[in-house]
Amino acid sequence: MLTAFMAIPAALYVMSALTVKSDLPILRRLIDYGAKIGQWSFSIYVYHLPIVIAILYTIEWSGVAPRNLPLLTYLTLIATVPFTIFLWWLTERRTGIIRKALFTLLRGIRARQAYAQA
């Protein structure tokens, strides 16, 4: 059931993004939103597993084991996503600026080397 709730909307989104020829405003907004989330992807990838494991160990340690797996899944999601976004803000949000500065520096070094060799 959980797979259907996640896979069907994702499949419809991908299908519409690939087949719609005109640039619909709602589709553009969804793509922009997805791109924004994509900037957080590394932080979410790195930080989510330790957070999820900590939540599961806390639940097990407390002795309150929920019998409802979808509820546990959504509660874990609600607890994990804001924390990973905070960790992205703390560590990764300036990565694009740093990357751009490094590429500019490397281009300058290469240009000077090419000028010196010529």
PDB file of N, CA and C in Angstrom:
ATOM      1  N   MET A   1       0.821  -1.192   0.000  1.00  0.00           N
ATOM      2  CA  MET A   1       0.000   0.000   0.000  1.00  0.00           C
ATOM      3  C   MET A   1       0.867   1.258   0.000  1.00  0.00           C
ATOM      4  N   LEU A   2       1.913   1.243   0.825  1.00  0.00           N
ATOM      5  CA  LEU A   2       2.807   2.394   0.894  1.00  0.00           C
ATOM      6  C   LEU A   2       3.515   2.611  -0.442  1.00  0.00           C
ATOM      7  N   THR A   3       3.903   1.533  -1.101  1.00  0.00           N
ATOM      8  CA  THR A   3       4.553   1.646  -2.406  1.00  0.00           C
ATOM      9  C   THR A   3       3.616   2.293  -3.413  1.00  0.00           C
ATOM     10  N   ALA A   4       2.351   1.932  -3.375  1.00  0.00           N
ATOM     11  CA  ALA A   4       1.382   2.509  -4.309  1.00  0.00           C
ATOM     12  C   ALA A   4       1.239   4.010  -4.073  1.00  0.00           C
ATOM     13  N   PHE A   5       1.250   4.432  -2.820  1.00  0.00           N
ATOM     14  CA  PHE A   5       1.120   5.857  -2.517  1.00  0.00           C
ATOM     15  C   PHE A   5       2.342   6.654  -2.980  1.00  0.00           C
ATOM     16  N   MET A   6       3.497   6.014  -3.033  1.00  0.00           N
ATOM     17  CA  MET A   6       4.711   6.714  -3.447  1.00  0.00           C
ATOM     18  C   MET A   6       5.004   6.523  -4.938  1.00  0.00           C
ATOM     19  N   ALA A   7       4.826   5.302  -5.452  1.00  0.00           N
ATOM     20  CA  ALA A   7       5.235   4.996  -6.818  1.00  0.00           C
ATOM     21  C   ALA A   7       4.279   5.557  -7.866  1.00  0.00           C
ATOM     22  N   ILE A   8       2.989   5.489  -7.622  1.00  0.00           N
ATOM     23  CA  ILE A   8       2.030   5.938  -8.634  1.00  0.00           C
ATOM     24  C   ILE A   8       2.153   7.450  -8.883  1.00  0.00           C
ATOM     25  N   PRO A   9       2.164   8.319  -7.855  1.00  0.00           N
ATOM     26  CA  PRO A   9       2.348   9.747  -8.155  1.00  0.00           C
ATOM     27  C   PRO A   9       3.697  10.050  -8.812  1.00  0.00           C
ATOM     28  N   ALA A  10       4.747   9.351  -8.387  1.00  0.00           N
ATOM     29  CA  ALA A  10       6.058   9.580  -8.992  1.00  0.00           C
ATOM     30  C   ALA A  10       6.050   9.173 -10.463  1.00  0.00           C
ATOM     31  N   ALA A  11       5.431   8.041 -10.770  1.00  0.00           N
ATOM     32  CA  ALA A  11       5.360   7.585 -12.157  1.00  0.00           C
ATOM     33  C   ALA A  11       4.539   8.548 -13.007  1.00  0.00           C
ATOM     34  N   LEU A  12       3.431   9.043 -12.478  1.00  0.00           N
ATOM     35  CA  LEU A  12       2.617  10.015 -13.216  1.00  0.00           C
ATOM     36  C   LEU A  12       3.385  11.312 -13.459  1.00  0.00           C
ATOM     37  N   TYR A  13       4.147  11.734 -12.470  1.00  0.00           N
ATOM     38  CA  TYR A  13       4.941  12.954 -12.626  1.00  0.00           C
ATOM     39  C   TYR A  13       5.999  12.781 -13.713  1.00  0.00           C
ATOM     40  N   VAL A  14       6.727  11.677 -13.671  1.00  0.00           N
ATOM     41  CA  VAL A  14       7.763  11.424 -14.674  1.00  0.00           C
ATOM     42  C   VAL A  14       7.132  11.302 -16.058  1.00  0.00           C
ATOM     43  N   MET A  15       6.027  10.575 -16.164  1.00  0.00           N
ATOM     44  CA  MET A  15       5.354  10.411 -17.447  1.00  0.00           C
ATOM     45  C   MET A  15       4.907  11.760 -18.003  1.00  0.00           C
ATOM     46  N   SER A  16       4.327  12.601 -17.161  1.00  0.00           N
ATOM     47  CA  SER A  16       3.867  13.901 -17.656  1.00  0.00           C
ATOM     48  C   SER A  16       5.049  14.795 -18.019  1.00  0.00           C
ATOM     49  N   ALA A  17       6.125  14.727 -17.263  1.00  0.00           N
ATOM     50  CA  ALA A  17       7.295  15.545 -17.568  1.00  0.00           C
ATOM     51  C   ALA A  17       7.931  15.143 -18.894  1.00  0.00           C
ATOM     52  N   LEU A  18       7.857  13.866 -19.231  1.00  0.00           N
ATOM     53  CA  LEU A  18       8.467  13.386 -20.473  1.00  0.00           C
ATOM     54  C   LEU A  18       7.574  13.550 -21.689  1.00  0.00           C
ATOM     55  N   THR A  19       6.263  13.574 -21.507  1.00  0.00           N
ATOM     56  CA  THR A  19       5.363  13.574 -22.653  1.00  0.00           C
ATOM     57  C   THR A  19       4.728  14.921 -22.961  1.00  0.00           C
ATOM     58  N   VAL A  20       4.632  15.799 -21.998  1.00  0.00           N
ATOM     59  CA  VAL A  20       3.991  17.094 -22.242  1.00  0.00           C
ATOM     60  C   VAL A  20       4.969  17.981 -23.009  1.00  0.00           C
ATOM     61  N   LYS A  21       4.529  18.467 -24.177  1.00  0.00           N
ATOM     62  CA  LYS A  21       5.409  19.274 -25.026  1.00  0.00           C
ATOM     63  C   LYS A  21       5.424  20.742 -24.620  1.00  0.00           C
ATOM     64  N   SER A  22       4.293  21.272 -24.183  1.00  0.00           N
ATOM     65  CA  SER A  22       4.259  22.680 -23.793  1.00  0.00           C
ATOM     66  C   SER A  22       4.697  22.814 -22.333  1.00  0.00           C
ATOM     67  N   ASP A  23       5.158  23.981 -21.998  1.00  0.00           N
ATOM     68  CA  ASP A  23       5.640  24.239 -20.645  1.00  0.00           C
ATOM     69  C   ASP A  23       4.488  24.744 -19.782  1.00  0.00           C
ATOM     70  N   LEU A  24       3.788  23.823 -19.150  1.00  0.00           N
ATOM     71  CA  LEU A  24       2.664  24.185 -18.289  1.00  0.00           C
ATOM     72  C   LEU A  24       3.195  24.847 -17.016  1.00  0.00           C
ATOM     73  N   PRO A  25       2.557  25.913 -16.557  1.00  0.00           N
ATOM     74  CA  PRO A  25       3.039  26.604 -15.344  1.00  0.00           C
ATOM     75  C   PRO A  25       3.088  25.683 -14.119  1.00  0.00           C
ATOM     76  N   ILE A  26       2.088  24.837 -13.958  1.00  0.00           N
ATOM     77  CA  ILE A  26       2.087  23.936 -12.792  1.00  0.00           C
ATOM     78  C   ILE A  26       3.234  22.943 -12.881  1.00  0.00           C
ATOM     79  N   LEU A  27       3.515  22.461 -14.090  1.00  0.00           N
ATOM     80  CA  LEU A  27       4.624  21.528 -14.273  1.00  0.00           C
ATOM     81  C   LEU A  27       5.950  22.233 -14.013  1.00  0.00           C
ATOM     82  N   ARG A  28       6.075  23.484 -14.461  1.00  0.00           N
ATOM     83  CA  ARG A  28       7.304  24.256 -14.232  1.00  0.00           C
ATOM     84  C   ARG A  28       7.525  24.446 -12.742  1.00  0.00           C
ATOM     85  N   ARG A  29       6.458  24.744 -11.996  1.00  0.00           N
ATOM     86  CA  ARG A  29       6.586  24.913 -10.546  1.00  0.00           C
ATOM     87  C   ARG A  29       7.014  23.611  -9.875  1.00  0.00           C
ATOM     88  N   LEU A  30       6.445  22.498 -10.303  1.00  0.00           N
ATOM     89  CA  LEU A  30       6.821  21.205  -9.735  1.00  0.00           C
ATOM     90  C   LEU A  30       8.282  20.888 -10.024  1.00  0.00           C
ATOM     91  N   ILE A  31       8.731  21.183 -11.237  1.00  0.00           N
ATOM     92  CA  ILE A  31      10.129  20.927 -11.589  1.00  0.00           C
ATOM     93  C   ILE A  31      11.051  21.821 -10.765  1.00  0.00           C
ATOM     94  N   ASP A  32      10.685  23.088 -10.606  1.00  0.00           N
ATOM     95  CA  ASP A  32      11.493  23.998  -9.787  1.00  0.00           C
ATOM     96  C   ASP A  32      11.557  23.531  -8.344  1.00  0.00           C
ATOM     97  N   TYR A  33      10.422  23.063  -7.829  1.00  0.00           N
ATOM     98  CA  TYR A  33      10.388  22.550  -6.456  1.00  0.00           C
ATOM     99  C   TYR A  33      11.265  21.302  -6.330  1.00  0.00           C
ATOM    100  N   GLY A  34      11.172  20.408  -7.322  1.00  0.00           N
ATOM    101  CA  GLY A  34      12.017  19.209  -7.324  1.00  0.00           C
ATOM    102  C   GLY A  34      13.490  19.551  -7.396  1.00  0.00           C
ATOM    103  N   ALA A  35      13.843  20.572  -8.177  1.00  0.00           N
ATOM    104  CA  ALA A  35      15.239  21.003  -8.263  1.00  0.00           C
ATOM    105  C   ALA A  35      15.717  21.555  -6.921  1.00  0.00           C
ATOM    106  N   LYS A  36      14.845  22.271  -6.227  1.00  0.00           N
ATOM    107  CA  LYS A  36      15.210  22.802  -4.904  1.00  0.00           C
ATOM    108  C   LYS A  36      15.461  21.657  -3.921  1.00  0.00           C
ATOM    109  N   ILE A  37      14.596  20.660  -3.945  1.00  0.00           N
ATOM    110  CA  ILE A  37      14.798  19.495  -3.076  1.00  0.00           C
ATOM    111  C   ILE A  37      16.070  18.758  -3.474  1.00  0.00           C
ATOM    112  N   GLY A  38      16.354  18.730  -4.784  1.00  0.00           N
ATOM    113  CA  GLY A  38      17.575  18.082  -5.260  1.00  0.00           C
ATOM    114  C   GLY A  38      18.838  18.707  -4.685  1.00  0.00           C
ATOM    115  N   GLN A  39      18.802  19.989  -4.342  1.00  0.00           N
ATOM    116  CA  GLN A  39      19.952  20.619  -3.715  1.00  0.00           C
ATOM    117  C   GLN A  39      20.204  20.051  -2.321  1.00  0.00           C
ATOM    118  N   TRP A  40      19.158  19.555  -1.699  1.00  0.00           N
ATOM    119  CA  TRP A  40      19.290  18.975  -0.361  1.00  0.00           C
ATOM    120  C   TRP A  40      19.642  17.497  -0.420  1.00  0.00           C
ATOM    121  N   SER A  41      19.683  16.922  -1.603  1.00  0.00           N
ATOM    122  CA  SER A  41      19.722  15.468  -1.724  1.00  0.00           C
ATOM    123  C   SER A  41      20.906  14.834  -1.019  1.00  0.00           C
ATOM    124  N   PHE A  42      22.094  15.428  -1.107  1.00  0.00           N
ATOM    125  CA  PHE A  42      23.248  14.802  -0.467  1.00  0.00           C
ATOM    126  C   PHE A  42      23.084  14.776   1.039  1.00  0.00           C
ATOM    127  N   SER A  43      22.623  15.899   1.606  1.00  0.00           N
ATOM    128  CA  SER A  43      22.414  15.933   3.051  1.00  0.00           C
ATOM    129  C   SER A  43      21.356  14.922   3.472  1.00  0.00           C
ATOM    130  N   ILE A  44      20.276  14.851   2.717  1.00  0.00           N
ATOM    131  CA  ILE A  44      19.230  13.881   3.045  1.00  0.00           C
ATOM    132  C   ILE A  44      19.803  12.465   2.964  1.00  0.00           C
ATOM    133  N   TYR A  45      20.588  12.202   1.926  1.00  0.00           N
ATOM    134  CA  TYR A  45      21.199  10.886   1.744  1.00  0.00           C
ATOM    135  C   TYR A  45      22.138  10.551   2.898  1.00  0.00           C
ATOM    136  N   VAL A  46      22.981  11.504   3.281  1.00  0.00           N
ATOM    137  CA  VAL A  46      23.983  11.246   4.316  1.00  0.00           C
ATOM    138  C   VAL A  46      23.373  11.152   5.702  1.00  0.00           C
ATOM    139  N   TYR A  47      22.457  12.061   6.022  1.00  0.00           N
ATOM    140  CA  TYR A  47      21.994  12.185   7.395  1.00  0.00           C
ATOM    141  C   TYR A  47      20.750  11.372   7.727  1.00  0.00           C
ATOM    142  N   HIS A  48      19.963  10.976   6.730  1.00  0.00           N
ATOM    143  CA  HIS A  48      18.674  10.384   7.081  1.00  0.00           C
ATOM    144  C   HIS A  48      18.815   9.038   7.775  1.00  0.00           C
ATOM    145  N   LEU A  49      19.749   8.200   7.336  1.00  0.00           N
ATOM    146  CA  LEU A  49      19.842   6.859   7.919  1.00  0.00           C
ATOM    147  C   LEU A  49      20.198   6.880   9.405  1.00  0.00           C
ATOM    148  N   PRO A  50      21.208   7.638   9.830  1.00  0.00           N
ATOM    149  CA  PRO A  50      21.461   7.689  11.284  1.00  0.00           C
ATOM    150  C   PRO A  50      20.270   8.224  12.079  1.00  0.00           C
ATOM    151  N   ILE A  51      19.554   9.184  11.512  1.00  0.00           N
ATOM    152  CA  ILE A  51      18.391   9.733  12.215  1.00  0.00           C
ATOM    153  C   ILE A  51      17.287   8.685  12.324  1.00  0.00           C
ATOM    154  N   VAL A  52      17.018   7.989  11.229  1.00  0.00           N
ATOM    155  CA  VAL A  52      15.991   6.937  11.242  1.00  0.00           C
ATOM    156  C   VAL A  52      16.369   5.841  12.228  1.00  0.00           C
ATOM    157  N   ILE A  53      17.626   5.420  12.228  1.00  0.00           N
ATOM    158  CA  ILE A  53      18.063   4.374  13.163  1.00  0.00           C
ATOM    159  C   ILE A  53      17.926   4.858  14.604  1.00  0.00           C
ATOM    160  N   ALA A  54      18.274   6.105  14.872  1.00  0.00           N
ATOM    161  CA  ALA A  54      18.127   6.649  16.223  1.00  0.00           C
ATOM    162  C   ALA A  54      16.661   6.654  16.648  1.00  0.00           C
ATOM    163  N   ILE A  55      15.773   7.020  15.728  1.00  0.00           N
ATOM    164  CA  ILE A  55      14.335   7.012  16.046  1.00  0.00           C
ATOM    165  C   ILE A  55      13.865   5.593  16.341  1.00  0.00           C
ATOM    166  N   LEU A  56      14.261   4.647  15.509  1.00  0.00           N
ATOM    167  CA  LEU A  56      13.826   3.256  15.721  1.00  0.00           C
ATOM    168  C   LEU A  56      14.372   2.682  17.022  1.00  0.00           C
ATOM    169  N   TYR A  57      15.646   2.971  17.344  1.00  0.00           N
ATOM    170  CA  TYR A  57      16.203   2.498  18.611  1.00  0.00           C
ATOM    171  C   TYR A  57      15.507   3.153  19.801  1.00  0.00           C
ATOM    172  N   THR A  58      15.152   4.414  19.664  1.00  0.00           N
ATOM    173  CA  THR A  58      14.434   5.107  20.742  1.00  0.00           C
ATOM    174  C   THR A  58      13.064   4.478  20.965  1.00  0.00           C
ATOM    175  N   ILE A  59      12.379   4.174  19.872  1.00  0.00           N
ATOM    176  CA  ILE A  59      11.067   3.532  19.989  1.00  0.00           C
ATOM    177  C   ILE A  59      11.212   2.157  20.636  1.00  0.00           C
ATOM    178  N   GLU A  60      12.215   1.397  20.184  1.00  0.00           N
ATOM    179  CA  GLU A  60      12.432   0.056  20.754  1.00  0.00           C
ATOM    180  C   GLU A  60      12.824   0.159  22.229  1.00  0.00           C
ATOM    181  N   TRP A  61      13.698   1.098  22.572  1.00  0.00           N
ATOM    182  CA  TRP A  61      14.160   1.270  23.938  1.00  0.00           C
ATOM    183  C   TRP A  61      13.024   1.688  24.860  1.00  0.00           C
ATOM    184  N   SER A  62      12.109   2.529  24.348  1.00  0.00           N
ATOM    185  CA  SER A  62      11.008   3.005  25.182  1.00  0.00           C
ATOM    186  C   SER A  62       9.967   1.917  25.444  1.00  0.00           C
ATOM    187  N   GLY A  63       9.978   0.883  24.642  1.00  0.00           N
ATOM    188  CA  GLY A  63       9.020  -0.203  24.813  1.00  0.00           C
ATOM    189  C   GLY A  63       7.674   0.072  24.172  1.00  0.00           C
ATOM    190  N   VAL A  64       7.534   1.200  23.518  1.00  0.00           N
ATOM    191  CA  VAL A  64       6.287   1.546  22.840  1.00  0.00           C
ATOM    192  C   VAL A  64       6.487   1.225  21.364  1.00  0.00           C
ATOM    193  N   ALA A  65       6.152   0.018  20.989  1.00  0.00           N
ATOM    194  CA  ALA A  65       6.321  -0.409  19.602  1.00  0.00           C
ATOM    195  C   ALA A  65       5.006  -0.237  18.860  1.00  0.00           C
ATOM    196  N   PRO A  66       4.918   0.751  17.987  1.00  0.00           N
ATOM    197  CA  PRO A  66       3.669   0.921  17.237  1.00  0.00           C
ATOM    198  C   PRO A  66       3.432  -0.253  16.304  1.00  0.00           C
ATOM    199  N   ARG A  67       2.215  -0.669  16.229  1.00  0.00           N
ATOM    200  CA  ARG A  67       1.869  -1.809  15.376  1.00  0.00           C
ATOM    201  C   ARG A  67       1.471  -1.348  13.980  1.00  0.00           C
ATOM    202  N   ASN A  68       1.362  -0.072  13.795  1.00  0.00           N
ATOM    203  CA  ASN A  68       0.917   0.479  12.529  1.00  0.00           C
ATOM    204  C   ASN A  68       2.135   0.956  11.743  1.00  0.00           C
ATOM    205  N   LEU A  69       2.602   0.157  10.776  1.00  0.00           N
ATOM    206  CA  LEU A  69       3.811   0.480  10.016  1.00  0.00           C
ATOM    207  C   LEU A  69       3.676   1.773   9.215  1.00  0.00           C
ATOM    208  N   PRO A  70       2.570   2.022   8.512  1.00  0.00           N
ATOM    209  CA  PRO A  70       2.482   3.318   7.809  1.00  0.00           C
ATOM    210  C   PRO A  70       2.559   4.515   8.759  1.00  0.00           C
ATOM    211  N   LEU A  71       1.945   4.410   9.922  1.00  0.00           N
ATOM    212  CA  LEU A  71       2.021   5.493  10.894  1.00  0.00           C
ATOM    213  C   LEU A  71       3.468   5.710  11.334  1.00  0.00           C
ATOM    214  N   LEU A  72       4.174   4.630  11.626  1.00  0.00           N
ATOM    215  CA  LEU A  72       5.576   4.726  12.010  1.00  0.00           C
ATOM    216  C   LEU A  72       6.397   5.344  10.872  1.00  0.00           C
ATOM    217  N   THR A  73       6.098   4.956   9.646  1.00  0.00           N
ATOM    218  CA  THR A  73       6.818   5.494   8.490  1.00  0.00           C
ATOM    219  C   THR A  73       6.614   6.995   8.375  1.00  0.00           C
ATOM    220  N   TYR A  74       5.367   7.451   8.458  1.00  0.00           N
ATOM    221  CA  TYR A  74       5.091   8.875   8.331  1.00  0.00           C
ATOM    222  C   TYR A  74       5.636   9.674   9.508  1.00  0.00           C
ATOM    223  N   LEU A  75       5.554   9.137  10.706  1.00  0.00           N
ATOM    224  CA  LEU A  75       6.123   9.826  11.861  1.00  0.00           C
ATOM    225  C   LEU A  75       7.636   9.962  11.734  1.00  0.00           C
ATOM    226  N   THR A  76       8.280   8.918  11.247  1.00  0.00           N
ATOM    227  CA  THR A  76       9.723   8.966  11.022  1.00  0.00           C
ATOM    228  C   THR A  76      10.059   9.997   9.954  1.00  0.00           C
ATOM    229  N   LEU A  77       9.266  10.047   8.894  1.00  0.00           N
ATOM    230  CA  LEU A  77       9.469  11.022   7.829  1.00  0.00           C
ATOM    231  C   LEU A  77       9.309  12.442   8.363  1.00  0.00           C
ATOM    232  N   ILE A  78       8.270  12.660   9.153  1.00  0.00           N
ATOM    233  CA  ILE A  78       8.015  13.985   9.724  1.00  0.00           C
ATOM    234  C   ILE A  78       9.160  14.414  10.633  1.00  0.00           C
ATOM    235  N   ALA A  79       9.768  13.481  11.335  1.00  0.00           N
ATOM    236  CA  ALA A  79      10.882  13.818  12.220  1.00  0.00           C
ATOM    237  C   ALA A  79      12.193  13.973  11.452  1.00  0.00           C
ATOM    238  N   THR A  80      12.377  13.217  10.389  1.00  0.00           N
ATOM    239  CA  THR A  80      13.658  13.178   9.687  1.00  0.00           C
ATOM    240  C   THR A  80      13.848  14.337   8.715  1.00  0.00           C
ATOM    241  N   VAL A  81      12.850  14.644   7.911  1.00  0.00           N
ATOM    242  CA  VAL A  81      13.022  15.647   6.854  1.00  0.00           C
ATOM    243  C   VAL A  81      13.397  17.032   7.410  1.00  0.00           C
ATOM    244  N   PRO A  82      12.686  17.566   8.405  1.00  0.00           N
ATOM    245  CA  PRO A  82      13.105  18.888   8.909  1.00  0.00           C
ATOM    246  C   PRO A  82      14.531  18.883   9.462  1.00  0.00           C
ATOM    247  N   PHE A  83      14.911  17.806  10.114  1.00  0.00           N
ATOM    248  CA  PHE A  83      16.257  17.755  10.679  1.00  0.00           C
ATOM    249  C   PHE A  83      17.316  17.680   9.579  1.00  0.00           C
ATOM    250  N   THR A  84      17.055  16.914   8.521  1.00  0.00           N
ATOM    251  CA  THR A  84      18.026  16.853   7.425  1.00  0.00           C
ATOM    252  C   THR A  84      18.105  18.188   6.683  1.00  0.00           C
ATOM    253  N   ILE A  85      16.981  18.886   6.560  1.00  0.00           N
ATOM    254  CA  ILE A  85      17.013  20.208   5.931  1.00  0.00           C
ATOM    255  C   ILE A  85      17.835  21.174   6.797  1.00  0.00           C
ATOM    256  N   PHE A  86      17.685  21.091   8.099  1.00  0.00           N
ATOM    257  CA  PHE A  86      18.497  21.911   8.992  1.00  0.00           C
ATOM    258  C   PHE A  86      19.978  21.575   8.831  1.00  0.00           C
ATOM    259  N   LEU A  87      20.313  20.306   8.754  1.00  0.00           N
ATOM    260  CA  LEU A  87      21.714  19.921   8.584  1.00  0.00           C
ATOM    261  C   LEU A  87      22.245  20.352   7.223  1.00  0.00           C
ATOM    262  N   TRP A  88      21.387  20.329   6.182  1.00  0.00           N
ATOM    263  CA  TRP A  88      21.796  20.863   4.880  1.00  0.00           C
ATOM    264  C   TRP A  88      22.112  22.351   5.023  1.00  0.00           C
ATOM    265  N   TRP A  89      21.238  23.092   5.699  1.00  0.00           N
ATOM    266  CA  TRP A  89      21.428  24.525   5.885  1.00  0.00           C
ATOM    267  C   TRP A  89      22.731  24.791   6.633  1.00  0.00           C
ATOM    268  N   LEU A  90      23.019  23.934   7.612  1.00  0.00           N
ATOM    269  CA  LEU A  90      24.198  24.102   8.444  1.00  0.00           C
ATOM    270  C   LEU A  90      25.485  23.782   7.685  1.00  0.00           C
ATOM    271  N   THR A  91      25.456  22.808   6.792  1.00  0.00           N
ATOM    272  CA  THR A  91      26.699  22.310   6.196  1.00  0.00           C
ATOM    273  C   THR A  91      26.821  22.509   4.686  1.00  0.00           C
ATOM    274  N   GLU A  92      25.756  22.369   3.933  1.00  0.00           N
ATOM    275  CA  GLU A  92      25.882  22.219   2.485  1.00  0.00           C
ATOM    276  C   GLU A  92      25.325  23.393   1.674  1.00  0.00           C
ATOM    277  N   ARG A  93      24.650  24.320   2.278  1.00  0.00           N
ATOM    278  CA  ARG A  93      23.956  25.352   1.506  1.00  0.00           C
ATOM    279  C   ARG A  93      24.896  26.243   0.728  1.00  0.00           C
ATOM    280  N   ARG A  94      26.112  26.395   1.141  1.00  0.00           N
ATOM    281  CA  ARG A  94      27.068  27.254   0.446  1.00  0.00           C
ATOM    282  C   ARG A  94      27.913  26.493  -0.580  1.00  0.00           C
ATOM    283  N   THR A  95      27.641  25.229  -0.780  1.00  0.00           N
ATOM    284  CA  THR A  95      28.445  24.411  -1.679  1.00  0.00           C
ATOM    285  C   THR A  95      28.465  24.972  -3.095  1.00  0.00           C
ATOM    286  N   GLY A  96      27.335  25.431  -3.611  1.00  0.00           N
ATOM    287  CA  GLY A  96      27.280  25.977  -4.968  1.00  0.00           C
ATOM    288  C   GLY A  96      28.159  27.206  -5.123  1.00  0.00           C
ATOM    289  N   ILE A  97      28.169  28.073  -4.136  1.00  0.00           N
ATOM    290  CA  ILE A  97      28.986  29.285  -4.174  1.00  0.00           C
ATOM    291  C   ILE A  97      30.467  28.913  -4.147  1.00  0.00           C
ATOM    292  N   ILE A  98      30.827  27.982  -3.279  1.00  0.00           N
ATOM    293  CA  ILE A  98      32.223  27.541  -3.179  1.00  0.00           C
ATOM    294  C   ILE A  98      32.656  26.865  -4.480  1.00  0.00           C
ATOM    295  N   ARG A  99      31.796  26.018  -5.040  1.00  0.00           N
ATOM    296  CA  ARG A  99      32.118  25.340  -6.295  1.00  0.00           C
ATOM    297  C   ARG A  99      32.337  26.351  -7.418  1.00  0.00           C
ATOM    298  N   LYS A 100      31.478  27.342  -7.510  1.00  0.00           N
ATOM    299  CA  LYS A 100      31.609  28.367  -8.553  1.00  0.00           C
ATOM    300  C   LYS A 100      32.923  29.139  -8.388  1.00  0.00           C
ATOM    301  N   ALA A 101      33.279  29.490  -7.161  1.00  0.00           N
ATOM    302  CA  ALA A 101      34.531  30.208  -6.910  1.00  0.00           C
ATOM    303  C   ALA A 101      35.741  29.355  -7.295  1.00  0.00           C
ATOM    304  N   LEU A 102      35.697  28.074  -6.964  1.00  0.00           N
ATOM    305  CA  LEU A 102      36.811  27.181  -7.321  1.00  0.00           C
ATOM    306  C   LEU A 102      36.946  27.029  -8.834  1.00  0.00           C
ATOM    307  N   PHE A 103      35.836  26.881  -9.543  1.00  0.00           N
ATOM    308  CA  PHE A 103      35.897  26.779 -11.003  1.00  0.00           C
ATOM    309  C   PHE A 103      36.432  28.059 -11.629  1.00  0.00           C
ATOM    310  N   THR A 104      36.036  29.210 -11.095  1.00  0.00           N
ATOM    311  CA  THR A 104      36.551  30.493 -11.591  1.00  0.00           C
ATOM    312  C   THR A 104      38.057  30.570 -11.368  1.00  0.00           C
ATOM    313  N   LEU A 105      38.500  30.157 -10.191  1.00  0.00           N
ATOM    314  CA  LEU A 105      39.932  30.145  -9.888  1.00  0.00           C
ATOM    315  C   LEU A 105      40.684  29.212 -10.832  1.00  0.00           C
ATOM    316  N   LEU A 106      40.159  28.015 -11.058  1.00  0.00           N
ATOM    317  CA  LEU A 106      40.815  27.062 -11.954  1.00  0.00           C
ATOM    318  C   LEU A 106      40.871  27.577 -13.390  1.00  0.00           C
ATOM    319  N   ARG A 107      39.805  28.231 -13.844  1.00  0.00           N
ATOM    320  CA  ARG A 107      39.815  28.807 -15.194  1.00  0.00           C
ATOM    321  C   ARG A 107      40.893  29.869 -15.310  1.00  0.00           C
ATOM    322  N   GLY A 108      41.045  30.688 -14.267  1.00  0.00           N
ATOM    323  CA  GLY A 108      42.090  31.712 -14.269  1.00  0.00           C
ATOM    324  C   GLY A 108      43.475  31.112 -14.310  1.00  0.00           C
ATOM    325  N   ILE A 109      43.698  30.050 -13.552  1.00  0.00           N
ATOM    326  CA  ILE A 109      45.001  29.377 -13.540  1.00  0.00           C
ATOM    327  C   ILE A 109      45.284  28.766 -14.909  1.00  0.00           C
ATOM    328  N   ARG A 110      44.311  28.113 -15.495  1.00  0.00           N
ATOM    329  CA  ARG A 110      44.498  27.518 -16.827  1.00  0.00           C
ATOM    330  C   ARG A 110      44.763  28.579 -17.886  1.00  0.00           C
ATOM    331  N   ALA A 111      44.065  29.705 -17.791  1.00  0.00           N
ATOM    332  CA  ALA A 111      44.276  30.784 -18.763  1.00  0.00           C
ATOM    333  C   ALA A 111      45.695  31.327 -18.648  1.00  0.00           C
ATOM    334  N   ARG A 112      46.185  31.500 -17.422  1.00  0.00           N
ATOM    335  CA  ARG A 112      47.562  31.980 -17.243  1.00  0.00           C
ATOM    336  C   ARG A 112      48.580  30.976 -17.754  1.00  0.00           C
ATOM    337  N   GLN A 113      48.316  29.680 -17.535  1.00  0.00           N
ATOM    338  CA  GLN A 113      49.226  28.648 -18.029  1.00  0.00           C
ATOM    339  C   GLN A 113      49.237  28.626 -19.565  1.00  0.00           C
ATOM    340  N   ALA A 114      48.086  28.749 -20.164  1.00  0.00           N
ATOM    341  CA  ALA A 114      48.001  28.763 -21.629  1.00  0.00           C
ATOM    342  C   ALA A 114      48.705  30.001 -22.176  1.00  0.00           C
ATOM    343  N   TYR A 115      48.571  31.143 -21.514  1.00  0.00           N
ATOM    344  CA  TYR A 115      49.220  32.372 -21.954  1.00  0.00           C
ATOM    345  C   TYR A 115      50.737  32.233 -21.830  1.00  0.00           C
ATOM    346  N   ALA A 116      51.217  31.612 -20.733  1.00  0.00           N
ATOM    347  CA  ALA A 116      52.648  31.445 -20.507  1.00  0.00           C
ATOM    348  C   ALA A 116      53.275  30.486 -21.533  1.00  0.00           C
ATOM    349  N   GLN A 117      52.514  29.501 -21.970  1.00  0.00           N
ATOM    350  CA  GLN A 117      53.018  28.520 -22.939  1.00  0.00           C
ATOM    351  C   GLN A 117      53.024  29.067 -24.358  1.00  0.00           C
ATOM    352  N   ALA A 118      52.185  30.067 -24.606  1.00  0.00           N
ATOM    353  CA  ALA A 118      52.057  30.601 -25.977  1.00  0.00           C
ATOM    354  C   ALA A 118      53.163  31.534 -26.360  1.00  0.00           C
TER     355      ALA A 118
END
